[in-house]
N, C-alpha and C. Protein backbone atom coordinates (compact mmCIF):
# COMPACT_ATOMS: atom_id res chain seq x y z
N MET A 1 2.72 -49.66 -4.67
CA MET A 1 3.04 -48.65 -5.58
C MET A 1 4.44 -48.01 -5.13
N ASN A 2 5.22 -47.89 -6.22
CA ASN A 2 6.53 -47.22 -5.90
C ASN A 2 6.48 -45.77 -5.82
N LEU A 3 7.56 -45.09 -5.44
CA LEU A 3 7.64 -43.70 -5.33
C LEU A 3 7.48 -42.95 -6.65
N LYS A 4 8.01 -43.46 -7.71
CA LYS A 4 8.04 -42.82 -9.04
C LYS A 4 6.51 -42.82 -9.52
N SER A 5 5.78 -43.89 -9.37
CA SER A 5 4.43 -43.87 -9.87
C SER A 5 3.55 -43.01 -8.93
N THR A 6 3.84 -43.02 -7.74
CA THR A 6 3.02 -42.06 -6.83
C THR A 6 3.32 -40.55 -7.18
N LEU A 7 4.53 -40.21 -7.47
CA LEU A 7 4.74 -38.86 -7.80
C LEU A 7 4.15 -38.52 -9.15
N LYS A 8 4.16 -39.38 -10.08
CA LYS A 8 3.55 -39.30 -11.30
C LYS A 8 2.16 -38.99 -11.24
N LYS A 9 1.40 -39.79 -10.39
CA LYS A 9 0.03 -39.66 -10.11
C LYS A 9 -0.28 -38.22 -9.52
N ILE A 10 0.51 -37.86 -8.68
CA ILE A 10 0.25 -36.52 -7.98
C ILE A 10 0.48 -35.40 -8.99
N ILE A 11 1.44 -35.51 -9.75
CA ILE A 11 1.68 -34.37 -10.74
C ILE A 11 0.71 -34.34 -11.88
N LEU A 12 0.27 -35.49 -12.25
CA LEU A 12 -0.71 -35.51 -13.38
C LEU A 12 -2.18 -35.29 -12.94
N ASP A 13 -2.44 -35.36 -11.65
CA ASP A 13 -3.87 -35.00 -11.20
C ASP A 13 -4.24 -33.68 -11.66
N LYS A 14 -5.45 -33.64 -12.37
CA LYS A 14 -5.97 -32.41 -12.93
C LYS A 14 -6.10 -31.32 -11.96
N GLY A 15 -6.50 -31.56 -10.73
CA GLY A 15 -6.64 -30.51 -9.65
C GLY A 15 -5.36 -29.85 -9.35
N ASN A 16 -4.30 -30.71 -9.38
CA ASN A 16 -2.98 -30.22 -8.96
C ASN A 16 -2.46 -29.38 -10.16
N ILE A 17 -2.69 -29.76 -11.42
CA ILE A 17 -2.28 -29.09 -12.61
C ILE A 17 -2.97 -27.65 -12.58
N VAL A 18 -4.29 -27.60 -12.38
CA VAL A 18 -4.99 -26.37 -12.37
C VAL A 18 -4.43 -25.35 -11.20
N THR A 19 -4.27 -25.98 -10.09
CA THR A 19 -3.81 -25.19 -8.89
C THR A 19 -2.43 -24.62 -9.28
N PHE A 20 -1.50 -25.47 -9.84
CA PHE A 20 -0.27 -24.96 -10.23
C PHE A 20 -0.34 -23.90 -11.32
N VAL A 21 -1.10 -23.99 -12.26
CA VAL A 21 -1.20 -22.94 -13.30
C VAL A 21 -1.74 -21.74 -12.67
N ILE A 22 -2.78 -21.75 -11.75
CA ILE A 22 -3.25 -20.58 -11.11
C ILE A 22 -2.14 -19.83 -10.30
N LEU A 23 -1.37 -20.68 -9.45
CA LEU A 23 -0.28 -20.07 -8.72
C LEU A 23 0.80 -19.50 -9.57
N LEU A 24 1.11 -20.13 -10.71
CA LEU A 24 2.11 -19.61 -11.74
C LEU A 24 1.58 -18.32 -12.20
N PHE A 25 0.40 -18.23 -12.62
CA PHE A 25 -0.10 -16.99 -13.13
C PHE A 25 -0.10 -15.92 -12.14
N PHE A 26 -0.51 -16.29 -10.84
CA PHE A 26 -0.42 -15.19 -9.76
C PHE A 26 1.00 -14.67 -9.60
N PHE A 27 1.89 -15.56 -9.46
CA PHE A 27 3.29 -15.16 -9.30
C PHE A 27 3.82 -14.25 -10.44
N TYR A 28 3.42 -14.68 -11.61
CA TYR A 28 3.91 -14.05 -12.87
C TYR A 28 3.36 -12.57 -12.81
N LYS A 29 2.00 -12.37 -12.44
CA LYS A 29 1.43 -11.03 -12.38
C LYS A 29 2.03 -10.24 -11.16
N GLN A 30 2.21 -10.86 -10.13
CA GLN A 30 2.63 -10.14 -8.96
C GLN A 30 4.17 -9.87 -8.82
N ALA A 31 4.93 -10.60 -9.58
CA ALA A 31 6.45 -10.48 -9.52
C ALA A 31 6.97 -9.07 -9.83
N PRO A 32 6.47 -8.32 -10.79
CA PRO A 32 7.02 -6.97 -10.92
C PRO A 32 6.62 -6.08 -9.77
N VAL A 33 5.55 -6.20 -9.22
CA VAL A 33 5.12 -5.35 -7.99
C VAL A 33 6.08 -5.75 -6.86
N ILE A 34 6.20 -7.03 -6.58
CA ILE A 34 7.11 -7.44 -5.49
C ILE A 34 8.58 -6.96 -5.65
N ILE A 35 9.01 -7.07 -6.86
CA ILE A 35 10.41 -6.64 -7.19
C ILE A 35 10.53 -5.21 -6.98
N ASN A 36 9.43 -4.43 -7.35
CA ASN A 36 9.56 -2.93 -7.27
C ASN A 36 9.60 -2.62 -5.76
N ASN A 37 8.74 -3.31 -5.02
CA ASN A 37 8.75 -2.92 -3.56
C ASN A 37 10.17 -3.12 -2.96
N PHE A 38 10.81 -4.23 -3.35
CA PHE A 38 12.18 -4.40 -2.81
C PHE A 38 13.13 -3.20 -3.27
N LYS A 39 12.93 -2.75 -4.55
CA LYS A 39 13.76 -1.69 -5.07
C LYS A 39 13.48 -0.33 -4.32
N THR A 40 12.24 -0.26 -3.88
CA THR A 40 11.78 1.02 -3.34
C THR A 40 12.30 1.12 -1.91
N THR A 41 12.49 -0.02 -1.19
CA THR A 41 12.98 0.00 0.16
C THR A 41 14.35 0.65 0.18
N ASP A 42 14.63 1.47 1.20
CA ASP A 42 15.87 2.13 1.42
C ASP A 42 16.07 3.33 0.48
N THR A 43 15.01 3.73 -0.26
CA THR A 43 15.08 4.93 -0.98
C THR A 43 14.83 6.19 -0.18
N THR A 44 15.68 7.24 -0.30
CA THR A 44 15.50 8.43 0.43
C THR A 44 14.76 9.36 -0.51
N LEU A 45 13.59 9.78 -0.05
CA LEU A 45 12.85 10.68 -0.95
C LEU A 45 13.26 12.08 -0.85
N GLU A 46 13.09 12.67 -2.07
CA GLU A 46 13.37 14.12 -2.13
C GLU A 46 12.08 14.84 -1.53
N SER A 47 12.22 16.06 -1.28
CA SER A 47 10.98 16.93 -0.78
C SER A 47 10.07 17.18 -1.91
N TYR A 48 8.80 16.95 -1.69
CA TYR A 48 7.77 17.16 -2.66
C TYR A 48 6.78 18.24 -2.21
N GLN A 49 6.34 19.15 -3.06
CA GLN A 49 5.24 20.02 -2.67
C GLN A 49 3.96 19.36 -2.85
N ALA A 50 3.21 19.05 -1.74
CA ALA A 50 2.02 18.36 -1.84
C ALA A 50 0.85 19.19 -1.45
N LYS A 51 -0.35 18.98 -2.08
CA LYS A 51 -1.54 19.75 -1.80
C LYS A 51 -2.50 18.85 -0.92
N ASP A 52 -2.81 19.46 0.24
CA ASP A 52 -3.76 18.78 1.11
C ASP A 52 -5.18 18.88 0.49
N ILE A 53 -5.70 17.82 0.29
CA ILE A 53 -6.97 17.79 -0.58
C ILE A 53 -8.14 18.41 0.30
N SER A 54 -8.06 18.38 1.65
CA SER A 54 -9.22 18.77 2.44
C SER A 54 -9.23 20.38 2.60
N ASN A 55 -8.05 21.00 2.59
CA ASN A 55 -8.04 22.39 2.77
C ASN A 55 -7.17 23.28 1.76
N GLY A 56 -6.57 22.54 0.78
CA GLY A 56 -5.87 23.19 -0.32
C GLY A 56 -4.56 23.70 0.12
N GLN A 57 -4.08 23.51 1.37
CA GLN A 57 -2.67 23.97 1.80
C GLN A 57 -1.65 23.17 1.19
N ILE A 58 -0.57 23.86 0.87
CA ILE A 58 0.56 23.24 0.29
C ILE A 58 1.52 22.84 1.42
N LYS A 59 1.98 21.62 1.41
CA LYS A 59 2.87 21.05 2.51
C LYS A 59 4.02 20.33 1.86
N SER A 60 5.02 20.22 2.59
CA SER A 60 6.16 19.54 2.13
C SER A 60 5.96 18.00 2.54
N PHE A 61 6.27 17.13 1.56
CA PHE A 61 6.11 15.65 1.84
C PHE A 61 7.37 15.02 1.26
N PRO A 62 7.97 14.08 1.98
CA PRO A 62 7.53 13.56 3.29
C PRO A 62 8.20 14.49 4.39
N PRO A 63 7.51 14.24 5.64
CA PRO A 63 8.12 14.91 6.79
C PRO A 63 9.50 14.31 7.09
N PHE A 64 10.51 14.99 7.29
CA PHE A 64 11.81 14.56 7.48
C PHE A 64 12.24 14.35 9.03
N ASP A 65 11.26 14.67 9.93
CA ASP A 65 11.48 14.68 11.32
C ASP A 65 10.57 13.58 12.04
N GLU A 66 9.87 12.81 11.39
CA GLU A 66 8.98 11.82 12.00
C GLU A 66 8.66 10.64 11.10
N LYS A 67 8.03 9.57 11.67
CA LYS A 67 7.64 8.47 10.92
C LYS A 67 6.33 8.75 10.33
N VAL A 68 6.06 8.25 9.11
CA VAL A 68 4.72 8.44 8.46
C VAL A 68 4.44 7.15 7.63
N ILE A 69 3.17 6.74 7.56
CA ILE A 69 2.69 5.73 6.69
C ILE A 69 1.94 6.32 5.55
N ALA A 70 2.36 6.13 4.30
CA ALA A 70 1.79 6.63 3.11
C ALA A 70 1.13 5.46 2.41
N ILE A 71 -0.18 5.54 2.04
CA ILE A 71 -0.90 4.53 1.37
C ILE A 71 -1.39 5.13 0.07
N PHE A 72 -0.96 4.39 -1.03
CA PHE A 72 -1.35 4.83 -2.41
C PHE A 72 -2.70 4.00 -2.56
N TRP A 73 -3.76 4.79 -3.03
CA TRP A 73 -5.11 4.12 -2.96
C TRP A 73 -5.93 4.68 -4.17
N ALA A 74 -7.03 4.06 -4.38
CA ALA A 74 -8.02 4.58 -5.35
C ALA A 74 -9.44 4.32 -4.81
N THR A 75 -10.35 5.13 -5.27
CA THR A 75 -11.72 5.05 -4.76
C THR A 75 -12.40 3.81 -5.30
N TRP A 76 -12.01 3.24 -6.32
CA TRP A 76 -12.61 2.03 -6.89
C TRP A 76 -12.00 0.77 -6.38
N CYS A 77 -10.88 0.88 -5.44
CA CYS A 77 -10.12 -0.22 -5.00
C CYS A 77 -10.64 -0.78 -3.69
N GLY A 78 -11.31 -1.94 -3.75
CA GLY A 78 -11.81 -2.54 -2.59
C GLY A 78 -10.75 -2.83 -1.51
N PRO A 79 -9.68 -3.44 -1.80
CA PRO A 79 -8.63 -3.77 -0.85
C PRO A 79 -8.12 -2.41 -0.16
N CYS A 80 -8.05 -1.32 -0.99
CA CYS A 80 -7.69 -0.05 -0.41
C CYS A 80 -8.60 0.40 0.77
N LYS A 81 -9.88 0.11 0.54
CA LYS A 81 -10.91 0.55 1.54
C LYS A 81 -10.73 -0.31 2.83
N VAL A 82 -10.49 -1.50 2.66
CA VAL A 82 -10.21 -2.45 3.75
C VAL A 82 -9.01 -2.01 4.52
N GLU A 83 -7.79 -1.66 3.89
CA GLU A 83 -6.72 -1.25 4.57
C GLU A 83 -6.92 0.05 5.20
N MET A 84 -7.50 1.06 4.56
CA MET A 84 -7.90 2.31 5.26
C MET A 84 -8.84 2.32 6.36
N ASN A 85 -9.69 1.35 6.31
CA ASN A 85 -10.62 1.08 7.56
C ASN A 85 -9.70 0.50 8.67
N ARG A 86 -8.86 -0.29 8.44
CA ARG A 86 -7.93 -0.81 9.46
C ARG A 86 -7.14 0.33 10.07
N LEU A 87 -6.56 1.13 9.23
CA LEU A 87 -5.81 2.35 9.69
C LEU A 87 -6.70 3.17 10.47
N ASP A 88 -7.83 3.59 10.06
CA ASP A 88 -8.88 4.29 10.71
C ASP A 88 -9.21 3.70 12.17
N LYS A 89 -9.29 2.37 12.23
CA LYS A 89 -9.58 1.72 13.60
C LYS A 89 -8.40 1.86 14.41
N SER A 90 -7.22 1.78 13.99
CA SER A 90 -6.02 2.08 14.76
C SER A 90 -5.97 3.49 15.30
N VAL A 91 -6.40 4.40 14.39
CA VAL A 91 -6.29 5.90 14.78
C VAL A 91 -7.35 6.00 15.99
N GLN A 92 -8.52 5.35 15.81
CA GLN A 92 -9.66 5.59 16.79
C GLN A 92 -9.22 4.85 18.08
N GLU A 93 -8.39 3.76 18.10
CA GLU A 93 -7.90 3.14 19.31
C GLU A 93 -6.69 3.82 19.83
N GLY A 94 -6.19 4.78 19.26
CA GLY A 94 -5.04 5.56 19.71
C GLY A 94 -3.70 4.87 19.49
N LYS A 95 -3.64 3.93 18.57
CA LYS A 95 -2.41 3.18 18.36
C LYS A 95 -1.59 3.91 17.42
N ILE A 96 -2.18 4.67 16.44
CA ILE A 96 -1.50 5.46 15.47
C ILE A 96 -2.07 6.77 15.54
N LYS A 97 -1.34 7.99 15.32
CA LYS A 97 -1.83 9.24 15.31
C LYS A 97 -2.25 9.52 13.88
N LYS A 98 -3.38 10.26 13.88
CA LYS A 98 -3.93 10.53 12.47
C LYS A 98 -2.98 11.36 11.60
N GLU A 99 -2.07 12.09 12.22
CA GLU A 99 -1.07 12.88 11.49
C GLU A 99 -0.01 12.02 10.93
N GLN A 100 0.12 10.78 11.40
CA GLN A 100 1.14 9.87 10.91
C GLN A 100 0.68 9.00 9.71
N ILE A 101 -0.50 9.21 9.16
CA ILE A 101 -1.04 8.44 8.02
C ILE A 101 -1.37 9.59 6.80
N VAL A 102 -0.75 9.26 5.73
CA VAL A 102 -1.02 10.07 4.54
C VAL A 102 -1.61 9.18 3.41
N ALA A 103 -2.65 9.57 2.87
CA ALA A 103 -3.35 8.80 1.77
C ALA A 103 -3.11 9.58 0.42
N ILE A 104 -2.50 8.82 -0.57
CA ILE A 104 -2.14 9.57 -1.88
C ILE A 104 -2.96 8.70 -2.90
N ASN A 105 -3.73 9.40 -3.75
CA ASN A 105 -4.51 8.82 -4.84
C ASN A 105 -3.98 9.43 -6.11
N PRO A 106 -3.09 8.77 -6.77
CA PRO A 106 -2.43 9.34 -8.00
C PRO A 106 -3.21 9.13 -9.21
N TYR A 107 -4.37 8.51 -9.20
CA TYR A 107 -5.11 7.97 -10.39
C TYR A 107 -6.35 8.80 -10.72
N GLU A 108 -6.87 9.55 -9.65
CA GLU A 108 -8.17 10.23 -9.85
C GLU A 108 -8.21 11.67 -9.57
N SER A 109 -9.05 12.43 -10.03
CA SER A 109 -9.10 13.89 -9.86
C SER A 109 -9.53 14.27 -8.42
N GLU A 110 -9.20 15.38 -8.09
CA GLU A 110 -9.59 15.93 -6.72
C GLU A 110 -11.05 15.96 -6.52
N ILE A 111 -11.89 16.16 -7.48
CA ILE A 111 -13.29 16.15 -7.45
C ILE A 111 -13.80 14.81 -7.06
N ILE A 112 -13.33 13.79 -7.77
CA ILE A 112 -13.72 12.44 -7.38
C ILE A 112 -13.25 12.06 -5.96
N ILE A 113 -12.11 12.45 -5.55
CA ILE A 113 -11.60 12.08 -4.16
C ILE A 113 -12.43 12.82 -3.15
N LYS A 114 -12.81 14.07 -3.32
CA LYS A 114 -13.55 14.77 -2.35
C LYS A 114 -14.97 14.19 -2.25
N LYS A 115 -15.53 13.83 -3.40
CA LYS A 115 -16.82 13.18 -3.40
C LYS A 115 -16.79 11.87 -2.53
N PHE A 116 -15.78 11.13 -2.81
CA PHE A 116 -15.63 9.82 -2.03
C PHE A 116 -15.52 10.16 -0.45
N LEU A 117 -14.60 11.12 -0.10
CA LEU A 117 -14.39 11.47 1.29
C LEU A 117 -15.61 12.07 1.98
N ALA A 118 -16.56 12.71 1.09
CA ALA A 118 -17.76 13.32 1.71
C ALA A 118 -18.70 12.03 2.15
N SER A 119 -18.62 10.96 1.55
CA SER A 119 -19.48 9.81 1.94
C SER A 119 -18.69 8.74 2.79
N SER A 120 -17.41 8.83 2.75
CA SER A 120 -16.46 7.92 3.60
C SER A 120 -15.33 8.68 4.12
N PRO A 121 -15.65 9.47 5.27
CA PRO A 121 -14.59 10.27 5.81
C PRO A 121 -13.59 9.43 6.59
N TYR A 122 -12.31 9.83 6.50
CA TYR A 122 -11.28 9.18 7.23
C TYR A 122 -10.52 10.35 7.91
N PRO A 123 -9.98 9.99 9.16
CA PRO A 123 -9.35 11.11 9.84
C PRO A 123 -7.87 11.54 9.43
N PHE A 124 -7.34 10.76 8.55
CA PHE A 124 -5.98 11.14 8.14
C PHE A 124 -5.86 12.06 7.02
N THR A 125 -4.61 12.41 6.55
CA THR A 125 -4.44 13.49 5.64
C THR A 125 -4.42 12.84 4.22
N PHE A 126 -5.09 13.48 3.28
CA PHE A 126 -5.22 13.07 1.90
C PHE A 126 -4.44 14.08 1.17
N LEU A 127 -3.35 13.66 0.44
CA LEU A 127 -2.45 14.62 -0.31
C LEU A 127 -2.45 14.20 -1.76
N ASP A 128 -2.28 15.36 -2.70
CA ASP A 128 -1.96 15.21 -3.99
C ASP A 128 -0.45 15.53 -4.12
N VAL A 129 0.30 14.48 -4.44
CA VAL A 129 1.67 14.63 -4.53
C VAL A 129 2.16 14.36 -6.00
N PRO A 130 2.08 15.36 -6.85
CA PRO A 130 2.48 15.14 -8.25
C PRO A 130 3.92 14.56 -8.51
N GLY A 131 3.82 13.47 -9.33
CA GLY A 131 5.09 12.77 -9.74
C GLY A 131 5.74 11.79 -8.75
N LEU A 132 5.15 11.69 -7.55
CA LEU A 132 5.69 10.74 -6.62
C LEU A 132 5.41 9.27 -7.02
N SER A 133 4.19 8.97 -7.45
CA SER A 133 3.93 7.61 -7.74
C SER A 133 4.69 7.14 -8.99
N GLN A 134 4.92 8.11 -9.93
CA GLN A 134 5.74 7.76 -11.16
C GLN A 134 7.29 7.53 -10.73
N LYS A 135 7.72 8.37 -9.90
CA LYS A 135 9.12 8.32 -9.37
C LYS A 135 9.35 6.91 -8.64
N LEU A 136 8.40 6.52 -7.92
CA LEU A 136 8.51 5.24 -7.22
C LEU A 136 8.07 4.04 -7.89
N ASN A 137 7.51 4.32 -9.19
CA ASN A 137 6.93 3.15 -10.01
C ASN A 137 5.80 2.43 -9.31
N ILE A 138 4.84 3.11 -8.66
CA ILE A 138 3.78 2.48 -7.90
C ILE A 138 2.89 1.81 -9.00
N GLN A 139 2.73 0.51 -8.93
CA GLN A 139 2.04 -0.24 -9.94
C GLN A 139 0.65 -0.91 -9.49
N SER A 140 0.45 -0.86 -8.12
CA SER A 140 -0.79 -1.40 -7.76
C SER A 140 -1.35 -0.76 -6.46
N THR A 141 -2.56 -0.84 -6.26
CA THR A 141 -3.10 -0.34 -4.98
C THR A 141 -3.81 -1.44 -4.20
N PRO A 142 -3.79 -1.41 -2.89
CA PRO A 142 -2.99 -0.37 -2.16
C PRO A 142 -1.53 -0.79 -2.11
N THR A 143 -0.68 0.24 -2.13
CA THR A 143 0.67 0.17 -1.84
C THR A 143 0.93 0.97 -0.60
N THR A 144 1.63 0.43 0.37
CA THR A 144 1.87 1.09 1.60
C THR A 144 3.34 1.31 1.81
N LEU A 145 3.75 2.50 2.13
CA LEU A 145 5.15 2.89 2.37
C LEU A 145 5.32 3.20 3.88
N PHE A 146 6.32 2.66 4.39
CA PHE A 146 6.65 3.07 5.91
C PHE A 146 7.89 3.94 5.76
N ILE A 147 7.72 5.18 6.07
CA ILE A 147 8.79 6.19 5.76
C ILE A 147 9.20 6.73 7.21
N GLU A 148 10.59 6.84 7.39
CA GLU A 148 11.17 7.32 8.59
C GLU A 148 12.18 8.43 8.14
N LYS A 149 11.91 9.64 8.56
CA LYS A 149 12.95 10.72 8.26
C LYS A 149 13.18 10.80 6.74
N GLY A 150 12.18 10.69 5.98
CA GLY A 150 12.25 10.77 4.46
C GLY A 150 12.85 9.45 3.81
N ARG A 151 13.08 8.54 4.51
CA ARG A 151 13.66 7.29 3.92
C ARG A 151 12.62 6.20 4.03
N ILE A 152 12.30 5.49 2.92
CA ILE A 152 11.43 4.38 2.87
C ILE A 152 12.02 3.11 3.56
N GLN A 153 11.43 2.79 4.68
CA GLN A 153 11.97 1.57 5.46
C GLN A 153 11.47 0.29 4.90
N SER A 154 10.17 0.39 4.30
CA SER A 154 9.55 -0.83 3.83
C SER A 154 8.41 -0.44 2.94
N ALA A 155 8.11 -1.38 2.01
CA ALA A 155 7.03 -1.11 1.14
C ALA A 155 6.20 -2.38 0.87
N SER A 156 4.91 -2.46 0.81
CA SER A 156 4.08 -3.49 0.49
C SER A 156 2.82 -3.19 -0.35
N SER A 157 2.50 -4.12 -1.11
CA SER A 157 1.37 -3.95 -1.96
C SER A 157 0.39 -4.95 -1.77
N GLY A 158 -0.90 -4.54 -1.98
CA GLY A 158 -2.02 -5.57 -1.81
C GLY A 158 -2.51 -5.50 -0.44
N MET A 159 -3.62 -6.28 -0.19
CA MET A 159 -4.28 -6.29 1.09
C MET A 159 -3.39 -7.32 1.88
N SER A 160 -3.14 -6.96 3.17
CA SER A 160 -2.34 -7.77 4.02
C SER A 160 -2.95 -8.09 5.29
N LEU A 161 -2.99 -9.42 5.67
CA LEU A 161 -3.55 -9.79 6.91
C LEU A 161 -2.79 -9.21 8.07
N PHE A 162 -1.50 -8.97 8.00
CA PHE A 162 -0.60 -8.62 9.11
C PHE A 162 -0.22 -7.09 8.87
N GLY A 163 -0.66 -6.47 7.85
CA GLY A 163 -0.26 -5.01 7.51
C GLY A 163 -0.58 -4.07 8.60
N ILE A 164 -1.71 -4.23 9.33
CA ILE A 164 -2.03 -3.26 10.43
C ILE A 164 -1.16 -3.39 11.57
N TRP A 165 -0.76 -4.62 11.90
CA TRP A 165 0.19 -4.85 13.05
C TRP A 165 1.56 -4.32 12.62
N LYS A 166 1.91 -4.53 11.35
CA LYS A 166 3.29 -4.02 10.92
C LYS A 166 3.19 -2.46 11.09
N ALA A 167 2.16 -1.82 10.70
CA ALA A 167 2.04 -0.33 10.80
C ALA A 167 2.10 0.11 12.22
N GLU A 168 1.35 -0.52 13.13
CA GLU A 168 1.38 -0.22 14.63
C GLU A 168 2.75 -0.36 15.13
N LYS A 169 3.45 -1.48 14.75
CA LYS A 169 4.80 -1.78 15.28
C LYS A 169 5.71 -0.67 14.70
N PHE A 170 5.66 -0.33 13.51
CA PHE A 170 6.59 0.62 12.87
C PHE A 170 6.40 1.86 13.58
N ILE A 171 5.22 2.35 13.84
CA ILE A 171 4.97 3.65 14.45
C ILE A 171 5.51 3.70 15.92
N LYS A 172 5.22 2.47 16.64
CA LYS A 172 5.59 2.45 18.06
C LYS A 172 7.03 2.39 18.35
N ASN A 173 7.78 1.70 17.45
CA ASN A 173 9.26 1.47 17.67
C ASN A 173 10.02 2.67 17.25
C-alpha cells in the first residue's frame, strides 16, 4: 500500500469523519467564548457598586488593592458547581482565602440564588454586580476571571482540569 491510498483510507474511515465533524462543531461553538476570553484579558475594570447577596451590603467591586478570583455561575450549571466545589476545597485547605473568591450569577434572581445557597452553602462572597457580565460579554458559565488590582490577568470558561491549580498559583504568586 502506498502513502496516498493509506491516507485516503484514514480520511474516508467513517469513524474519523464523525470524530472530525464533532470536533469541528465543538470548535465552532466554543470559538466566540475563547476569543472573548482573550479580549477580556488585560482589561482594567471600572469600579462597580455590588450588592452582597448574603447581607445586602453595598460593596465596591473589584477590589483595587488585592487579587481576587471572580466566577460567573448559575444554579443550573453543573460545571459551575464542580468548579465552586474545587474552590471551596481550596478554601478549606487554606490555599485560598474565602475573601479572595467572588461568585457572580448574572442570570438568576436573588431569591433563586439565596434558595440555592441555603441548600449548598459556600464560604465565599456572592455578589450582584449589575452590568458587569454585559460589559465583559460573558457568554458561558462557568467563566473565571483572575483579577489583580482591578485588572483582569486571565479569563477562562468551562470546566477546567487545571483551573484550581491555576487559581491557587495566581493567589500565591
